[in-house]
Amino acid sequence: MLREKIGDIVLEDNEHIIGHYGDYTITEIKEADGWATYVIYDNWGNYIDEFWGDEPLKPEEKENDEAFQASAIGKDAIKRITEFEDEMEYVDVDGHHPAGFSHDDWDDSYLTDPHFMSMAWKGLPAPKQKSSEEREKEEAELLESLCKSDTIVFHLEDKSTKMLEPIYEGRGWDVYRGSGWGMSHDFFIKLIERHDKILCLGHGTPSGLIGGCFGPIEAEAVKAQKKKIFALWCYAATFFKKNGFEGYGVFCSDNCPSEVWECKAACHADVSAEWILNNMYYLSDCIKDVIDICWDNPEEACKRAKEKYAKAEATTEDEKKVVEFNTNTLQVV
């Protein structure tokens, strides 16, 4: 049986298309505990957003797009798509917001390629494709600029994960903040080859780090070359287990709610945006304190990080739920 695809993206075995809205496709990923994750893609297969639901769609709500759009899940998806399109109305042709622009409702949004997407939404032609010689030259120059240390950090530029920056700031490590758009897999393989240690930070799924820098191909390179790696993204542990890393010794997280809506979905916890932001900065401090020992003793690093993070400030029962949840999500694969 052929696996479902959106554009060039092959979906996970447990991920299935359940509906469409305009040029968007919505999928459902069933979780073992009965929850479901709903993912929104554009018609190229670019990840747009995801959200949780504790009541999976009924069979009749999957019969056609009209039934899906009338369901609670469908309405939530349409709301997020509308917010996304509103956001894109305020992006210029270089992929930037005008000075002073703020869209607080879309803190959780990130695009694989803002420049290309802004062109598409404005109805303008896509950027001129570079020749293979031009791309190879640019990649070679960028590669050399990112090989000044023994450690490479992959962290897509995104204000909703800014709280992870303290983990690597001031270390003198090489840091790649771009996406994988327009880059060859060979570029990322060479970055892995040229570094002893790899950090992957940001948003993610069971398929890899969002942004296109680290997926199964890059994971295979890490394993084959016995590189040391740390990963903090949602479902990183699931990703590494699925890609044959059990027993390898990867200090990582699995689902790790870092937004107000994620806390509601994952923990049934109602917390303030200010509290969860401060909490995530505290988590980063806990990781920063043990990052140097995680390479050779990931179990000890994980133990220390969990012990310190478990003491995070939490005054309400809901805040305590989140702290407990995120303490338990830290693990070694």
C-alpha atoms as a PDB file:
ATOM      1  CA  MET A   1       0.000   0.000   0.000  1.00  0.00           C
ATOM      2  CA  LEU A   2       1.424   3.377  -1.037  1.00  0.00           C
ATOM      3  CA  ARG A   3       1.961   5.917   1.712  1.00  0.00           C
ATOM      4  CA  GLU A   4       0.097   9.203   1.379  1.00  0.00           C
ATOM      5  CA  LYS A   5       1.916  12.256   0.046  1.00  0.00           C
ATOM      6  CA  ILE A   6       1.416  16.033   0.006  1.00  0.00           C
ATOM      7  CA  GLY A   7       3.607  17.612  -2.640  1.00  0.00           C
ATOM      8  CA  ASP A   8       6.933  15.811  -2.244  1.00  0.00           C
ATOM      9  CA  ILE A   9       6.335  15.074   1.456  1.00  0.00           C
ATOM     10  CA  VAL A  10       5.657  11.450   2.371  1.00  0.00           C
ATOM     11  CA  LEU A  11       3.455  11.195   5.454  1.00  0.00           C
ATOM     12  CA  GLU A  12       4.183   9.071   8.485  1.00  0.00           C
ATOM     13  CA  ASP A  13       2.674   5.567   8.708  1.00  0.00           C
ATOM     14  CA  ASN A  14       0.211   6.764  11.366  1.00  0.00           C
ATOM     15  CA  GLU A  15      -0.544  10.086   9.634  1.00  0.00           C
ATOM     16  CA  HIS A  16      -3.500  10.297   7.276  1.00  0.00           C
ATOM     17  CA  ILE A  17      -5.177  13.027   5.253  1.00  0.00           C
ATOM     18  CA  ILE A  18      -8.593  13.861   6.725  1.00  0.00           C
ATOM     19  CA  GLY A  19      -9.663  17.004   4.904  1.00  0.00           C
ATOM     20  CA  HIS A  20      -8.886  20.047   2.800  1.00  0.00           C
ATOM     21  CA  TYR A  21      -9.614  23.752   2.935  1.00  0.00           C
ATOM     22  CA  GLY A  22      -8.742  25.672  -0.201  1.00  0.00           C
ATOM     23  CA  ASP A  23      -5.132  24.877  -1.071  1.00  0.00           C
ATOM     24  CA  TYR A  24      -4.454  23.398   2.371  1.00  0.00           C
ATOM     25  CA  THR A  25      -4.421  19.775   3.487  1.00  0.00           C
ATOM     26  CA  ILE A  26      -5.073  18.681   7.066  1.00  0.00           C
ATOM     27  CA  THR A  27      -3.789  15.377   8.431  1.00  0.00           C
ATOM     28  CA  GLU A  28      -4.456  13.421  11.609  1.00  0.00           C
ATOM     29  CA  ILE A  29      -1.795  11.617  13.651  1.00  0.00           C
ATOM     30  CA  LYS A  30      -3.307   9.187  16.152  1.00  0.00           C
ATOM     31  CA  GLU A  31      -1.470   8.983  19.482  1.00  0.00           C
ATOM     32  CA  ALA A  32      -1.323   5.865  21.659  1.00  0.00           C
ATOM     33  CA  ASP A  33      -3.160   7.584  24.504  1.00  0.00           C
ATOM     34  CA  GLY A  34      -6.217   8.340  22.376  1.00  0.00           C
ATOM     35  CA  TRP A  35      -5.269  11.932  21.584  1.00  0.00           C
ATOM     36  CA  ALA A  36      -4.712  13.089  18.044  1.00  0.00           C
ATOM     37  CA  THR A  37      -2.447  15.724  16.491  1.00  0.00           C
ATOM     38  CA  TYR A  38      -3.774  17.635  13.482  1.00  0.00           C
ATOM     39  CA  VAL A  39      -1.224  19.060  11.046  1.00  0.00           C
ATOM     40  CA  ILE A  40      -1.836  21.725   8.386  1.00  0.00           C
ATOM     41  CA  TYR A  41       0.206  21.726   5.164  1.00  0.00           C
ATOM     42  CA  ASP A  42       0.099  23.954   2.116  1.00  0.00           C
ATOM     43  CA  ASN A  43      -0.199  22.428  -1.349  1.00  0.00           C
ATOM     44  CA  TRP A  44       3.610  22.185  -1.686  1.00  0.00           C
ATOM     45  CA  GLY A  45       3.796  20.088   1.457  1.00  0.00           C
ATOM     46  CA  ASN A  46       5.223  22.893   3.614  1.00  0.00           C
ATOM     47  CA  TYR A  47       4.336  22.590   7.316  1.00  0.00           C
ATOM     48  CA  ILE A  48       2.066  25.469   8.406  1.00  0.00           C
ATOM     49  CA  ASP A  49       0.804  24.632  11.906  1.00  0.00           C
ATOM     50  CA  GLU A  50      -0.409  21.849  14.171  1.00  0.00           C
ATOM     51  CA  PHE A  51      -2.790  21.482  17.094  1.00  0.00           C
ATOM     52  CA  TRP A  52      -4.146  18.822  19.420  1.00  0.00           C
ATOM     53  CA  GLY A  53      -7.559  17.335  20.008  1.00  0.00           C
ATOM     54  CA  ASP A  54      -8.700  14.908  22.667  1.00  0.00           C
ATOM     55  CA  GLU A  55     -11.743  13.807  20.641  1.00  0.00           C
ATOM     56  CA  PRO A  56     -10.698  12.323  17.267  1.00  0.00           C
ATOM     57  CA  LEU A  57     -12.925  13.004  14.290  1.00  0.00           C
ATOM     58  CA  LYS A  58     -15.968  10.820  13.852  1.00  0.00           C
ATOM     59  CA  PRO A  59     -16.030   8.646  10.699  1.00  0.00           C
ATOM     60  CA  GLU A  60     -18.844  10.757   9.207  1.00  0.00           C
ATOM     61  CA  GLU A  61     -16.723  13.902   9.651  1.00  0.00           C
ATOM     62  CA  LYS A  62     -14.094  12.393   7.354  1.00  0.00           C
ATOM     63  CA  GLU A  63     -16.482  11.476   4.557  1.00  0.00           C
ATOM     64  CA  ASN A  64     -15.887  14.671   2.570  1.00  0.00           C
ATOM     65  CA  ASP A  65     -14.364  18.128   2.919  1.00  0.00           C
ATOM     66  CA  GLU A  66     -17.711  19.756   3.662  1.00  0.00           C
ATOM     67  CA  ALA A  67     -18.314  17.446   6.628  1.00  0.00           C
ATOM     68  CA  PHE A  68     -14.750  17.945   7.836  1.00  0.00           C
ATOM     69  CA  GLN A  69     -14.966  21.737   7.643  1.00  0.00           C
ATOM     70  CA  ALA A  70     -18.199  21.691   9.688  1.00  0.00           C
ATOM     71  CA  SER A  71     -16.559  19.684  12.505  1.00  0.00           C
ATOM     72  CA  ALA A  72     -14.924  21.265  15.564  1.00  0.00           C
ATOM     73  CA  ILE A  73     -11.491  20.154  14.329  1.00  0.00           C
ATOM     74  CA  GLY A  74     -12.198  21.527  10.857  1.00  0.00           C
ATOM     75  CA  LYS A  75     -13.286  24.897  12.263  1.00  0.00           C
ATOM     76  CA  ASP A  76     -10.115  25.072  14.364  1.00  0.00           C
ATOM     77  CA  ALA A  77      -8.020  24.323  11.271  1.00  0.00           C
ATOM     78  CA  ILE A  78      -9.833  26.978   9.211  1.00  0.00           C
ATOM     79  CA  LYS A  79      -9.278  29.546  11.994  1.00  0.00           C
ATOM     80  CA  ARG A  80      -5.543  28.819  11.997  1.00  0.00           C
ATOM     81  CA  ILE A  81      -5.354  28.963   8.192  1.00  0.00           C
ATOM     82  CA  THR A  82      -7.184  32.311   8.191  1.00  0.00           C
ATOM     83  CA  GLU A  83      -4.759  33.686  10.796  1.00  0.00           C
ATOM     84  CA  PHE A  84      -1.853  32.410   8.708  1.00  0.00           C
ATOM     85  CA  GLU A  85      -3.145  34.133   5.577  1.00  0.00           C
ATOM     86  CA  ASP A  86      -3.728  37.343   7.545  1.00  0.00           C
ATOM     87  CA  GLU A  87      -0.110  37.132   8.655  1.00  0.00           C
ATOM     88  CA  MET A  88       1.119  36.721   5.085  1.00  0.00           C
ATOM     89  CA  GLU A  89      -0.722  39.889   4.043  1.00  0.00           C
ATOM     90  CA  TYR A  90       1.835  41.759   6.152  1.00  0.00           C
ATOM     91  CA  VAL A  91       4.947  40.149   4.703  1.00  0.00           C
ATOM     92  CA  ASP A  92       6.900  42.021   2.051  1.00  0.00           C
ATOM     93  CA  VAL A  93       8.533  40.406  -0.981  1.00  0.00           C
ATOM     94  CA  ASP A  94      11.759  39.847   0.974  1.00  0.00           C
ATOM     95  CA  GLY A  95       9.929  37.820   3.598  1.00  0.00           C
ATOM     96  CA  HIS A  96      10.017  40.504   6.300  1.00  0.00           C
ATOM     97  CA  HIS A  97       7.370  42.307   8.337  1.00  0.00           C
ATOM     98  CA  PRO A  98       7.128  46.107   8.074  1.00  0.00           C
ATOM     99  CA  ALA A  99       8.768  47.993  10.923  1.00  0.00           C
ATOM    100  CA  GLY A 100       6.612  48.025  14.020  1.00  0.00           C
ATOM    101  CA  PHE A 101       4.407  45.160  12.842  1.00  0.00           C
ATOM    102  CA  SER A 102       3.214  42.796  15.550  1.00  0.00           C
ATOM    103  CA  HIS A 103       1.039  39.721  15.300  1.00  0.00           C
ATOM    104  CA  ASP A 104       0.948  38.260  18.784  1.00  0.00           C
ATOM    105  CA  ASP A 105      -1.610  35.616  17.846  1.00  0.00           C
ATOM    106  CA  TRP A 106       0.894  33.941  15.548  1.00  0.00           C
ATOM    107  CA  ASP A 107       3.823  33.500  17.956  1.00  0.00           C
ATOM    108  CA  ASP A 108       3.605  29.788  17.281  1.00  0.00           C
ATOM    109  CA  SER A 109       4.026  30.110  13.507  1.00  0.00           C
ATOM    110  CA  TYR A 110       7.096  29.358  11.482  1.00  0.00           C
ATOM    111  CA  LEU A 111       7.602  28.766   7.777  1.00  0.00           C
ATOM    112  CA  THR A 112      10.030  26.531   6.006  1.00  0.00           C
ATOM    113  CA  ASP A 113      10.748  29.368   3.617  1.00  0.00           C
ATOM    114  CA  PRO A 114       9.208  32.791   4.374  1.00  0.00           C
ATOM    115  CA  HIS A 115      10.688  34.373   1.232  1.00  0.00           C
ATOM    116  CA  PHE A 116       9.177  31.851  -1.149  1.00  0.00           C
ATOM    117  CA  MET A 117       5.863  31.766   0.683  1.00  0.00           C
ATOM    118  CA  SER A 118       5.565  35.554   0.631  1.00  0.00           C
ATOM    119  CA  MET A 119       6.125  35.523  -3.122  1.00  0.00           C
ATOM    120  CA  ALA A 120       3.463  32.847  -3.546  1.00  0.00           C
ATOM    121  CA  TRP A 121       0.870  34.645  -1.443  1.00  0.00           C
ATOM    122  CA  LYS A 122       1.475  37.945  -3.206  1.00  0.00           C
ATOM    123  CA  GLY A 123       0.936  36.237  -6.535  1.00  0.00           C
ATOM    124  CA  LEU A 124       4.451  37.213  -7.624  1.00  0.00           C
ATOM    125  CA  PRO A 125       6.843  34.915  -9.472  1.00  0.00           C
ATOM    126  CA  ALA A 126       8.981  32.618  -7.339  1.00  0.00           C
ATOM    127  CA  PRO A 127      12.623  33.647  -6.820  1.00  0.00           C
ATOM    128  CA  LYS A 128      14.918  32.989  -9.749  1.00  0.00           C
ATOM    129  CA  GLN A 129      16.371  29.517  -9.529  1.00  0.00           C
ATOM    130  CA  LYS A 130      20.148  29.426  -9.128  1.00  0.00           C
ATOM    131  CA  SER A 131      22.304  27.261 -11.333  1.00  0.00           C
ATOM    132  CA  SER A 132      23.883  24.189  -9.758  1.00  0.00           C
ATOM    133  CA  GLU A 133      27.272  25.909 -10.014  1.00  0.00           C
ATOM    134  CA  GLU A 134      26.002  29.013  -8.167  1.00  0.00           C
ATOM    135  CA  ARG A 135      24.396  26.929  -5.457  1.00  0.00           C
ATOM    136  CA  GLU A 136      27.469  24.737  -4.995  1.00  0.00           C
ATOM    137  CA  LYS A 137      29.699  27.824  -4.689  1.00  0.00           C
ATOM    138  CA  GLU A 138      27.393  29.471  -2.118  1.00  0.00           C
ATOM    139  CA  GLU A 139      27.054  26.262  -0.129  1.00  0.00           C
ATOM    140  CA  ALA A 140      30.826  25.747  -0.107  1.00  0.00           C
ATOM    141  CA  GLU A 141      31.402  29.277   1.195  1.00  0.00           C
ATOM    142  CA  LEU A 142      28.691  28.917   3.841  1.00  0.00           C
ATOM    143  CA  LEU A 143      30.038  25.521   4.864  1.00  0.00           C
ATOM    144  CA  GLU A 144      33.499  26.931   5.543  1.00  0.00           C
ATOM    145  CA  SER A 145      32.026  29.788   7.581  1.00  0.00           C
ATOM    146  CA  LEU A 146      30.245  27.239   9.777  1.00  0.00           C
ATOM    147  CA  CYS A 147      33.259  25.055  10.532  1.00  0.00           C
ATOM    148  CA  LYS A 148      35.135  27.135  13.117  1.00  0.00           C
ATOM    149  CA  SER A 149      34.451  24.842  16.089  1.00  0.00           C
ATOM    150  CA  ASP A 150      33.768  21.193  16.898  1.00  0.00           C
ATOM    151  CA  THR A 151      30.048  21.828  17.520  1.00  0.00           C
ATOM    152  CA  ILE A 152      27.229  22.780  15.129  1.00  0.00           C
ATOM    153  CA  VAL A 153      23.839  24.086  16.282  1.00  0.00           C
ATOM    154  CA  PHE A 154      20.740  23.811  14.080  1.00  0.00           C
ATOM    155  CA  HIS A 155      18.164  26.310  15.356  1.00  0.00           C
ATOM    156  CA  LEU A 156      15.754  27.847  12.845  1.00  0.00           C
ATOM    157  CA  GLU A 157      15.320  31.606  13.352  1.00  0.00           C
ATOM    158  CA  ASP A 158      11.928  31.802  15.052  1.00  0.00           C
ATOM    159  CA  LYS A 159      10.729  34.109  17.817  1.00  0.00           C
ATOM    160  CA  SER A 160       8.626  31.337  19.378  1.00  0.00           C
ATOM    161  CA  THR A 161      11.789  29.368  20.251  1.00  0.00           C
ATOM    162  CA  LYS A 162      14.001  32.309  21.208  1.00  0.00           C
ATOM    163  CA  MET A 163      14.047  30.975  24.781  1.00  0.00           C
ATOM    164  CA  LEU A 164      16.355  28.157  23.619  1.00  0.00           C
ATOM    165  CA  GLU A 165      19.169  30.511  22.614  1.00  0.00           C
ATOM    166  CA  PRO A 166      20.801  30.586  26.101  1.00  0.00           C
ATOM    167  CA  ILE A 167      21.726  26.916  25.646  1.00  0.00           C
ATOM    168  CA  TYR A 168      24.416  27.833  23.112  1.00  0.00           C
ATOM    169  CA  GLU A 169      24.966  31.597  23.297  1.00  0.00           C
ATOM    170  CA  GLY A 170      28.529  32.712  24.053  1.00  0.00           C
ATOM    171  CA  ARG A 171      30.018  29.280  23.430  1.00  0.00           C
ATOM    172  CA  GLY A 172      31.734  30.095  20.179  1.00  0.00           C
ATOM    173  CA  TRP A 173      29.977  27.201  18.495  1.00  0.00           C
ATOM    174  CA  ASP A 174      28.914  27.254  14.856  1.00  0.00           C
ATOM    175  CA  VAL A 175      25.215  28.136  14.582  1.00  0.00           C
ATOM    176  CA  TYR A 176      22.988  27.668  11.524  1.00  0.00           C
ATOM    177  CA  ARG A 177      19.739  29.664  11.873  1.00  0.00           C
ATOM    178  CA  GLY A 178      18.443  29.132   8.346  1.00  0.00           C
ATOM    179  CA  SER A 179      16.120  26.493   6.879  1.00  0.00           C
ATOM    180  CA  GLY A 180      16.808  23.655   4.488  1.00  0.00           C
ATOM    181  CA  TRP A 181      14.982  25.439   1.666  1.00  0.00           C
ATOM    182  CA  GLY A 182      17.119  25.492  -1.472  1.00  0.00           C
ATOM    183  CA  MET A 183      19.959  23.659   0.282  1.00  0.00           C
ATOM    184  CA  SER A 184      21.221  20.214  -0.641  1.00  0.00           C
ATOM    185  CA  HIS A 185      21.208  17.307   1.799  1.00  0.00           C
ATOM    186  CA  ASP A 186      24.926  17.074   1.040  1.00  0.00           C
ATOM    187  CA  PHE A 187      25.427  20.473   2.706  1.00  0.00           C
ATOM    188  CA  PHE A 188      24.005  19.241   6.008  1.00  0.00           C
ATOM    189  CA  ILE A 189      25.808  15.898   5.739  1.00  0.00           C
ATOM    190  CA  LYS A 190      29.112  17.755   5.342  1.00  0.00           C
ATOM    191  CA  LEU A 191      28.305  19.958   8.340  1.00  0.00           C
ATOM    192  CA  ILE A 192      27.777  16.818  10.391  1.00  0.00           C
ATOM    193  CA  GLU A 193      31.005  15.294   9.068  1.00  0.00           C
ATOM    194  CA  ARG A 194      32.992  18.411  10.029  1.00  0.00           C
ATOM    195  CA  HIS A 195      31.716  18.555  13.625  1.00  0.00           C
ATOM    196  CA  ASP A 196      31.999  16.185  16.562  1.00  0.00           C
ATOM    197  CA  LYS A 197      28.848  17.397  18.312  1.00  0.00           C
ATOM    198  CA  ILE A 198      25.413  18.421  17.006  1.00  0.00           C
ATOM    199  CA  LEU A 199      22.620  20.335  18.749  1.00  0.00           C
ATOM    200  CA  CYS A 200      19.137  20.364  17.227  1.00  0.00           C
ATOM    201  CA  LEU A 201      16.769  22.927  18.752  1.00  0.00           C
ATOM    202  CA  GLY A 202      13.332  24.274  17.895  1.00  0.00           C
ATOM    203  CA  HIS A 203       9.965  22.928  16.832  1.00  0.00           C
ATOM    204  CA  GLY A 204       9.687  19.457  15.407  1.00  0.00           C
ATOM    205  CA  THR A 205       7.616  16.387  14.649  1.00  0.00           C
ATOM    206  CA  PRO A 206       8.247  12.619  14.610  1.00  0.00           C
ATOM    207  CA  SER A 207       9.688  13.222  11.114  1.00  0.00           C
ATOM    208  CA  GLY A 208      12.448  15.556  12.264  1.00  0.00           C
ATOM    209  CA  LEU A 209      13.382  19.122  13.087  1.00  0.00           C
ATOM    210  CA  ILE A 210      11.059  21.638  11.452  1.00  0.00           C
ATOM    211  CA  GLY A 211      12.934  23.731   8.932  1.00  0.00           C
ATOM    212  CA  GLY A 212      14.316  20.873   6.867  1.00  0.00           C
ATOM    213  CA  CYS A 213      17.846  20.764   8.350  1.00  0.00           C
ATOM    214  CA  PHE A 214      17.643  17.473  10.214  1.00  0.00           C
ATOM    215  CA  GLY A 215      15.619  14.445   9.229  1.00  0.00           C
ATOM    216  CA  PRO A 216      16.178  10.725   8.594  1.00  0.00           C
ATOM    217  CA  ILE A 217      19.021  11.298   6.088  1.00  0.00           C
ATOM    218  CA  GLU A 218      20.962  13.469   8.533  1.00  0.00           C
ATOM    219  CA  ALA A 219      20.188  11.081  11.405  1.00  0.00           C
ATOM    220  CA  GLU A 220      21.682   8.223   9.434  1.00  0.00           C
ATOM    221  CA  ALA A 221      24.866  10.270   8.927  1.00  0.00           C
ATOM    222  CA  VAL A 222      25.087  10.938  12.678  1.00  0.00           C
ATOM    223  CA  LYS A 223      24.707   7.246  13.446  1.00  0.00           C
ATOM    224  CA  ALA A 224      27.123   6.049  10.768  1.00  0.00           C
ATOM    225  CA  GLN A 225      29.820   8.486  11.902  1.00  0.00           C
ATOM    226  CA  LYS A 226      29.115   7.978  15.623  1.00  0.00           C
ATOM    227  CA  LYS A 227      28.640  11.700  16.241  1.00  0.00           C
ATOM    228  CA  LYS A 228      27.411  13.020  19.592  1.00  0.00           C
ATOM    229  CA  ILE A 229      24.032  14.721  19.523  1.00  0.00           C
ATOM    230  CA  PHE A 230      21.605  16.597  21.773  1.00  0.00           C
ATOM    231  CA  ALA A 231      18.046  17.352  20.641  1.00  0.00           C
ATOM    232  CA  LEU A 232      15.312  19.524  22.112  1.00  0.00           C
ATOM    233  CA  TRP A 233      12.226  19.494  19.912  1.00  0.00           C
ATOM    234  CA  CYS A 234       8.743  18.037  20.291  1.00  0.00           C
ATOM    235  CA  TYR A 235       8.861  14.333  19.475  1.00  0.00           C
ATOM    236  CA  ALA A 236      12.661  14.198  19.173  1.00  0.00           C
ATOM    237  CA  ALA A 237      12.716  11.006  21.272  1.00  0.00           C
ATOM    238  CA  THR A 238      10.035   9.479  19.051  1.00  0.00           C
ATOM    239  CA  PHE A 239      12.087  10.439  15.985  1.00  0.00           C
ATOM    240  CA  PHE A 240      15.313   8.886  17.276  1.00  0.00           C
ATOM    241  CA  LYS A 241      13.621   5.680  18.398  1.00  0.00           C
ATOM    242  CA  LYS A 242      11.958   5.358  15.001  1.00  0.00           C
ATOM    243  CA  ASN A 243      15.328   5.842  13.286  1.00  0.00           C
ATOM    244  CA  GLY A 244      17.154   3.115  15.194  1.00  0.00           C
ATOM    245  CA  PHE A 245      18.919   5.142  17.910  1.00  0.00           C
ATOM    246  CA  GLU A 246      17.767   3.180  20.968  1.00  0.00           C
ATOM    247  CA  GLY A 247      20.814   2.645  23.154  1.00  0.00           C
ATOM    248  CA  TYR A 248      22.826   5.255  21.228  1.00  0.00           C
ATOM    249  CA  GLY A 249      22.749   7.730  24.115  1.00  0.00           C
ATOM    250  CA  VAL A 250      20.873  10.799  22.832  1.00  0.00           C
ATOM    251  CA  PHE A 251      19.814  13.236  25.571  1.00  0.00           C
ATOM    252  CA  CYS A 252      16.586  14.647  24.177  1.00  0.00           C
ATOM    253  CA  SER A 253      12.953  15.579  24.799  1.00  0.00           C
ATOM    254  CA  ASP A 254       9.739  14.158  23.499  1.00  0.00           C
ATOM    255  CA  ASN A 255       6.553  16.243  23.584  1.00  0.00           C
ATOM    256  CA  CYS A 256       7.506  19.416  25.459  1.00  0.00           C
ATOM    257  CA  PRO A 257       4.738  22.052  25.625  1.00  0.00           C
ATOM    258  CA  SER A 258       6.148  25.571  25.384  1.00  0.00           C
ATOM    259  CA  GLU A 259       3.042  27.572  24.453  1.00  0.00           C
ATOM    260  CA  VAL A 260      -0.208  28.295  26.318  1.00  0.00           C
ATOM    261  CA  TRP A 261      -2.300  26.193  23.922  1.00  0.00           C
ATOM    262  CA  GLU A 262       0.199  23.315  24.075  1.00  0.00           C
ATOM    263  CA  CYS A 263      -0.048  23.232  27.866  1.00  0.00           C
ATOM    264  CA  LYS A 264      -3.827  22.987  27.575  1.00  0.00           C
ATOM    265  CA  ALA A 265      -3.585  20.207  25.027  1.00  0.00           C
ATOM    266  CA  ALA A 266      -0.793  18.149  26.576  1.00  0.00           C
ATOM    267  CA  CYS A 267      -1.466  18.665  30.287  1.00  0.00           C
ATOM    268  CA  HIS A 268      -5.002  20.064  30.501  1.00  0.00           C
ATOM    269  CA  ALA A 269      -3.241  22.970  32.206  1.00  0.00           C
ATOM    270  CA  ASP A 270      -4.262  26.619  32.054  1.00  0.00           C
ATOM    271  CA  VAL A 271      -1.150  28.782  32.472  1.00  0.00           C
ATOM    272  CA  SER A 272      -0.256  32.338  31.488  1.00  0.00           C
ATOM    273  CA  ALA A 273       1.958  33.222  28.523  1.00  0.00           C
ATOM    274  CA  GLU A 274       4.346  35.005  30.875  1.00  0.00           C
ATOM    275  CA  TRP A 275       4.691  31.976  33.125  1.00  0.00           C
ATOM    276  CA  ILE A 276       5.358  29.443  30.346  1.00  0.00           C
ATOM    277  CA  LEU A 277       7.876  31.787  28.697  1.00  0.00           C
ATOM    278  CA  ASN A 278       9.803  32.195  31.953  1.00  0.00           C
ATOM    279  CA  ASN A 279       9.512  28.467  32.543  1.00  0.00           C
ATOM    280  CA  MET A 280      11.045  27.702  29.153  1.00  0.00           C
ATOM    281  CA  TYR A 281      13.936  30.080  29.851  1.00  0.00           C
ATOM    282  CA  TYR A 282      14.471  28.208  33.114  1.00  0.00           C
ATOM    283  CA  LEU A 283      14.448  24.884  31.248  1.00  0.00           C
ATOM    284  CA  SER A 284      17.110  26.264  28.899  1.00  0.00           C
ATOM    285  CA  ASP A 285      19.228  27.242  31.903  1.00  0.00           C
ATOM    286  CA  CYS A 286      18.899  23.706  33.249  1.00  0.00           C
ATOM    287  CA  ILE A 287      20.053  22.295  29.911  1.00  0.00           C
ATOM    288  CA  LYS A 288      22.856  24.840  29.588  1.00  0.00           C
ATOM    289  CA  ASP A 289      24.250  23.762  32.962  1.00  0.00           C
ATOM    290  CA  VAL A 290      24.668  20.140  31.842  1.00  0.00           C
ATOM    291  CA  ILE A 291      25.340  20.458  28.108  1.00  0.00           C
ATOM    292  CA  ASP A 292      29.092  19.967  28.548  1.00  0.00           C
ATOM    293  CA  ILE A 293      28.646  16.584  30.242  1.00  0.00           C
ATOM    294  CA  CYS A 294      25.805  15.318  28.055  1.00  0.00           C
ATOM    295  CA  TRP A 295      28.210  14.298  25.282  1.00  0.00           C
ATOM    296  CA  ASP A 296      30.044  11.664  27.328  1.00  0.00           C
ATOM    297  CA  ASN A 297      27.491  10.952  30.041  1.00  0.00           C
ATOM    298  CA  PRO A 298      23.987  11.693  28.733  1.00  0.00           C
ATOM    299  CA  GLU A 299      22.314   9.763  31.575  1.00  0.00           C
ATOM    300  CA  GLU A 300      23.975  11.926  34.219  1.00  0.00           C
ATOM    301  CA  ALA A 301      23.217  15.107  32.260  1.00  0.00           C
ATOM    302  CA  CYS A 302      19.563  14.114  31.958  1.00  0.00           C
ATOM    303  CA  LYS A 303      19.365  13.227  35.666  1.00  0.00           C
ATOM    304  CA  ARG A 304      20.815  16.583  36.747  1.00  0.00           C
ATOM    305  CA  ALA A 305      18.660  18.593  34.335  1.00  0.00           C
ATOM    306  CA  LYS A 306      15.493  16.851  35.511  1.00  0.00           C
ATOM    307  CA  GLU A 307      16.358  17.339  39.182  1.00  0.00           C
ATOM    308  CA  LYS A 308      16.959  21.064  38.685  1.00  0.00           C
ATOM    309  CA  TYR A 309      14.004  21.660  36.361  1.00  0.00           C
ATOM    310  CA  ALA A 310      11.636  19.836  38.736  1.00  0.00           C
ATOM    311  CA  LYS A 311      12.267  22.710  41.159  1.00  0.00           C
ATOM    312  CA  ALA A 312      10.955  25.311  38.661  1.00  0.00           C
ATOM    313  CA  GLU A 313       8.706  27.992  40.131  1.00  0.00           C
ATOM    314  CA  ALA A 314       5.128  26.725  40.038  1.00  0.00           C
ATOM    315  CA  THR A 315       2.460  28.099  42.368  1.00  0.00           C
ATOM    316  CA  THR A 316      -0.762  26.800  40.829  1.00  0.00           C
ATOM    317  CA  GLU A 317      -1.794  23.205  40.293  1.00  0.00           C
ATOM    318  CA  ASP A 318      -1.809  23.754  36.534  1.00  0.00           C
ATOM    319  CA  GLU A 319       1.734  25.149  36.563  1.00  0.00           C
ATOM    320  CA  LYS A 320       2.828  22.120  38.577  1.00  0.00           C
ATOM    321  CA  LYS A 321       1.260  19.841  35.939  1.00  0.00           C
ATOM    322  CA  VAL A 322       3.378  21.429  33.220  1.00  0.00           C
ATOM    323  CA  VAL A 323       6.567  21.166  35.281  1.00  0.00           C
ATOM    324  CA  GLU A 324       5.892  17.501  35.964  1.00  0.00           C
ATOM    325  CA  PHE A 325       5.080  16.819  32.309  1.00  0.00           C
ATOM    326  CA  ASN A 326       8.224  18.519  31.002  1.00  0.00           C
ATOM    327  CA  THR A 327      10.397  16.928  33.660  1.00  0.00           C
ATOM    328  CA  ASN A 328       9.251  13.501  32.487  1.00  0.00           C
ATOM    329  CA  THR A 329       9.715  14.353  28.809  1.00  0.00           C
ATOM    330  CA  LEU A 330      13.502  14.689  29.233  1.00  0.00           C
ATOM    331  CA  GLN A 331      15.089  11.322  28.515  1.00  0.00           C
ATOM    332  CA  VAL A 332      17.993   9.438  27.003  1.00  0.00           C
ATOM    333  CA  VAL A 333      17.401   7.296  23.923  1.00  0.00           C
END
